[in-house]
C-alpha atoms as a PDB file:
ATOM      1  CA  MET A   1    -110.256 -49.030  95.800  1.00  0.00           C
ATOM      2  CA  LYS A   2    -109.237 -47.078  92.712  1.00  0.00           C
ATOM      3  CA  SER A   3    -107.007 -48.446  90.026  1.00  0.00           C
ATOM      4  CA  ASP A   4    -103.764 -46.678  89.170  1.00  0.00           C
ATOM      5  CA  GLU A   5    -105.400 -45.272  86.054  1.00  0.00           C
ATOM      6  CA  GLN A   6    -108.288 -43.779  88.006  1.00  0.00           C
ATOM      7  CA  ALA A   7    -105.999 -42.447  90.725  1.00  0.00           C
ATOM      8  CA  THR A   8    -103.588 -40.706  88.339  1.00  0.00           C
ATOM      9  CA  GLY A   9    -106.056 -39.799  85.608  1.00  0.00           C
ATOM     10  CA  ASP A  10    -103.726 -41.357  83.037  1.00  0.00           C
ATOM     11  CA  THR A  11    -105.724 -42.722  80.119  1.00  0.00           C
ATOM     12  CA  SER A  12    -102.799 -43.191  77.729  1.00  0.00           C
ATOM     13  CA  GLY A  13    -103.151 -46.964  78.012  1.00  0.00           C
ATOM     14  CA  ASN A  14    -106.725 -46.886  76.698  1.00  0.00           C
ATOM     15  CA  VAL A  15    -107.101 -47.568  73.020  1.00  0.00           C
ATOM     16  CA  GLU A  16    -110.226 -46.015  71.597  1.00  0.00           C
ATOM     17  CA  ARG A  17    -112.091 -48.524  69.479  1.00  0.00           C
ATOM     18  CA  ARG A  18    -113.544 -47.231  66.259  1.00  0.00           C
ATOM     19  CA  PRO A  19    -116.872 -48.492  64.943  1.00  0.00           C
ATOM     20  CA  PRO A  20    -116.613 -51.098  62.160  1.00  0.00           C
ATOM     21  CA  GLU A  21    -118.272 -48.739  59.676  1.00  0.00           C
ATOM     22  CA  GLU A  22    -115.547 -46.153  60.228  1.00  0.00           C
ATOM     23  CA  ARG A  23    -112.806 -48.758  59.915  1.00  0.00           C
ATOM     24  CA  ARG A  24    -114.278 -49.936  56.596  1.00  0.00           C
ATOM     25  CA  ALA A  25    -114.502 -46.360  55.303  1.00  0.00           C
ATOM     26  CA  ARG A  26    -110.879 -45.713  56.269  1.00  0.00           C
ATOM     27  CA  LEU A  27    -109.841 -48.977  54.612  1.00  0.00           C
ATOM     28  CA  LEU A  28    -111.614 -47.968  51.394  1.00  0.00           C
ATOM     29  CA  LEU A  29    -109.794 -44.632  51.443  1.00  0.00           C
ATOM     30  CA  ALA A  30    -106.443 -46.364  51.918  1.00  0.00           C
ATOM     31  CA  ILE A  31    -107.126 -48.895  49.139  1.00  0.00           C
ATOM     32  CA  GLY A  32    -108.341 -46.177  46.776  1.00  0.00           C
ATOM     33  CA  ALA A  33    -105.246 -44.070  47.413  1.00  0.00           C
ATOM     34  CA  ALA A  34    -102.926 -47.054  46.888  1.00  0.00           C
ATOM     35  CA  VAL A  35    -104.612 -48.016  43.604  1.00  0.00           C
ATOM     36  CA  LEU A  36    -104.553 -44.395  42.451  1.00  0.00           C
ATOM     37  CA  PHE A  37    -100.833 -44.028  43.167  1.00  0.00           C
ATOM     38  CA  ALA A  38    -100.074 -47.335  41.463  1.00  0.00           C
ATOM     39  CA  GLY A  39    -102.039 -46.161  38.441  1.00  0.00           C
ATOM     40  CA  ILE A  40    -100.156 -42.875  38.332  1.00  0.00           C
ATOM     41  CA  ALA A  41     -96.849 -44.735  38.510  1.00  0.00           C
ATOM     42  CA  LEU A  42     -97.877 -46.990  35.623  1.00  0.00           C
ATOM     43  CA  ALA A  43     -99.385 -44.139  33.589  1.00  0.00           C
ATOM     44  CA  VAL A  44     -96.020 -42.351  33.614  1.00  0.00           C
ATOM     45  CA  THR A  45     -94.717 -45.174  31.434  1.00  0.00           C
ATOM     46  CA  ASP A  46     -97.676 -44.646  29.077  1.00  0.00           C
ATOM     47  CA  ASP A  47     -99.297 -47.919  30.122  1.00  0.00           C
ATOM     48  CA  GLU A  48    -102.998 -48.436  29.352  1.00  0.00           C
ATOM     49  CA  THR A  49    -103.434 -50.426  32.573  1.00  0.00           C
ATOM     50  CA  GLY A  50    -102.253 -47.424  34.595  1.00  0.00           C
ATOM     51  CA  ARG A  51    -105.026 -45.282  33.169  1.00  0.00           C
ATOM     52  CA  TRP A  52    -107.662 -47.801  34.245  1.00  0.00           C
ATOM     53  CA  LEU A  53    -106.100 -48.051  37.693  1.00  0.00           C
ATOM     54  CA  ILE A  54    -106.358 -44.280  38.034  1.00  0.00           C
ATOM     55  CA  VAL A  55    -110.046 -44.373  37.153  1.00  0.00           C
ATOM     56  CA  GLY A  56    -110.652 -47.267  39.546  1.00  0.00           C
ATOM     57  CA  GLY A  57    -108.653 -45.626  42.333  1.00  0.00           C
ATOM     58  CA  VAL A  58    -110.591 -42.380  42.039  1.00  0.00           C
ATOM     59  CA  GLY A  59    -113.847 -44.334  42.065  1.00  0.00           C
ATOM     60  CA  VAL A  60    -112.894 -46.195  45.236  1.00  0.00           C
ATOM     61  CA  LEU A  61    -111.764 -42.919  46.829  1.00  0.00           C
ATOM     62  CA  PHE A  62    -115.152 -41.353  46.069  1.00  0.00           C
ATOM     63  CA  LEU A  63    -116.925 -44.366  47.549  1.00  0.00           C
ATOM     64  CA  GLY A  64    -114.759 -44.218  50.682  1.00  0.00           C
ATOM     65  CA  LEU A  65    -115.311 -40.476  51.099  1.00  0.00           C
ATOM     66  CA  HIS A  66    -119.056 -40.931  50.656  1.00  0.00           C
ATOM     67  CA  ARG A  67    -119.211 -43.663  53.298  1.00  0.00           C
ATOM     68  CA  PHE A  68    -116.972 -41.702  55.645  1.00  0.00           C
ATOM     69  CA  GLY A  69    -119.188 -38.636  55.267  1.00  0.00           C
ATOM     70  CA  ARG A  70    -122.363 -40.646  55.887  1.00  0.00           C
ATOM     71  CA  LEU A  71    -121.092 -41.687  59.329  1.00  0.00           C
ATOM     72  CA  GLY A  72    -122.239 -38.359  60.755  1.00  0.00           C
ATOM     73  CA  PRO A  73    -120.559 -36.046  63.232  1.00  0.00           C
ATOM     74  CA  GLU A  74    -118.200 -37.308  65.880  1.00  0.00           C
ATOM     75  CA  ASP A  75    -119.485 -37.706  69.412  1.00  0.00           C
ATOM     76  CA  ALA A  76    -118.777 -34.726  71.655  1.00  0.00           C
ATOM     77  CA  ARG A  77    -116.305 -36.100  74.172  1.00  0.00           C
ATOM     78  CA  ALA A  78    -114.865 -33.926  76.853  1.00  0.00           C
END
């Protein structure tokens, strides 16, 4: 006996799980972007801390992009 999903071909209820490495890379990108934007907001007020946050945010973004790129190509799913 087929389930409703198999009978109708509806896969909208399936949540695709991402590998932990990809989740960590995406998290690094999000953290880097947040720190970068916070640094830009503080640097507008001519704050020394904002400048260091910008440098740190860009560094974390580079690390996240590097890890994301090292994951390799996506699987070919049809």
